[in-house]
Amino acid sequence: MPGYTKVVADFEVFSHSYHKARSDLASLSIDCKNIKETGERFRESARALRLAADKVDVAISQLQKADLVAMARMLMGASLGR
């Protein structure tokens, strides 16, 4: 029954390949999930950075206005002889 032995051997090779492919697919699925989660965290970080940059812009604007007000007061005081 050499034909039977060959069929059994071929089936064992196929079975091993099939299980290896399933394992690889499961691993790939986990990798894809990790990539998706990393992308989501990256987007959240980018959003937080944009909000922080907006706050810095507002703070700079407020400092510039405060400097202008202080300079105007100083000039007015100088022109009034104070």
Protein backbone atom coordinates (compact mmCIF):
# COMPACT_ATOMS: atom_id res chain seq x y z
CA MET A 1 0.00 0.00 0.00
CA PRO A 2 2.65 2.50 -1.02
CA GLY A 3 -0.03 4.80 -2.47
CA TYR A 4 -1.81 4.96 0.86
CA THR A 5 1.44 5.80 2.68
CA LYS A 6 2.09 8.64 0.21
CA VAL A 7 -1.44 9.99 0.68
CA VAL A 8 -1.03 9.91 4.46
CA ALA A 9 2.36 11.64 4.20
CA ASP A 10 0.93 14.28 1.84
CA PHE A 11 -1.99 14.84 4.21
CA GLU A 12 0.39 15.30 7.15
CA VAL A 13 2.38 17.88 5.15
CA PHE A 14 -0.86 19.62 4.17
CA SER A 15 -2.12 19.52 7.76
CA HIS A 16 1.11 21.00 9.08
CA SER A 17 1.05 23.73 6.39
CA TYR A 18 -2.62 24.47 7.12
CA HIS A 19 -2.03 24.85 10.86
CA LYS A 20 1.07 26.95 10.24
CA ALA A 21 -0.94 29.21 7.92
CA ARG A 22 -3.71 29.58 10.55
CA SER A 23 -1.11 30.42 13.19
CA ASP A 24 0.51 32.97 10.88
CA LEU A 25 -2.91 34.49 10.13
CA ALA A 26 -3.72 34.77 13.84
CA SER A 27 -0.35 36.41 14.44
CA LEU A 28 -0.95 38.80 11.55
CA SER A 29 -4.37 39.66 12.96
CA ILE A 30 -2.79 40.53 16.31
CA ASP A 31 -0.14 42.64 14.53
CA CYS A 32 -2.86 44.53 12.63
CA LYS A 33 -4.76 45.16 15.85
CA ASN A 34 -1.58 46.49 17.50
CA ILE A 35 -0.91 48.77 14.52
CA LYS A 36 -4.48 50.09 14.69
CA GLU A 37 -4.19 50.77 18.43
CA THR A 38 -0.83 52.49 17.91
CA GLY A 39 -2.39 54.66 15.20
CA GLU A 40 -5.24 55.62 17.51
CA ARG A 41 -2.79 56.57 20.28
CA PHE A 42 -0.78 58.59 17.75
CA ARG A 43 -3.92 60.47 16.66
CA GLU A 44 -4.80 61.18 20.32
CA SER A 45 -1.28 62.48 20.95
CA ALA A 46 -1.43 64.67 17.84
CA ARG A 47 -4.78 66.07 18.99
CA ALA A 48 -3.32 66.83 22.44
CA LEU A 49 -0.30 68.52 20.84
CA ARG A 50 -2.57 70.70 18.68
CA LEU A 51 -4.55 71.74 21.77
CA ALA A 52 -1.31 72.53 23.64
CA ALA A 53 -0.03 74.56 20.67
CA ASP A 54 -3.29 76.52 20.62
CA LYS A 55 -2.90 77.27 24.34
CA VAL A 56 0.68 78.41 23.77
CA ASP A 57 -0.48 80.70 20.94
CA VAL A 58 -3.12 82.22 23.23
CA ALA A 59 -0.55 82.69 26.02
CA ILE A 60 1.89 84.37 23.63
CA SER A 61 -0.86 86.67 22.38
CA GLN A 62 -1.79 87.60 25.95
CA LEU A 63 1.85 88.30 26.81
CA GLN A 64 2.23 90.49 23.73
CA LYS A 65 -0.91 92.44 24.67
CA ALA A 66 0.35 92.82 28.25
CA ASP A 67 3.70 94.10 26.95
CA LEU A 68 1.92 96.60 24.69
CA VAL A 69 -0.26 97.81 27.56
CA ALA A 70 2.78 98.15 29.84
CA MET A 71 4.67 100.01 27.12
CA ALA A 72 1.71 102.32 26.48
CA ARG A 73 1.41 103.07 30.21
CA MET A 74 5.12 103.76 30.40
CA LEU A 75 4.97 106.11 27.40
CA MET A 76 1.87 107.86 28.77
CA GLY A 77 3.58 108.25 32.12
CA ALA A 78 6.66 109.68 30.45
CA SER A 79 4.62 112.11 28.39
CA LEU A 80 2.74 113.26 31.47
CA GLY A 81 6.00 113.80 33.31
CA ARG A 82 5.62 111.01 35.83
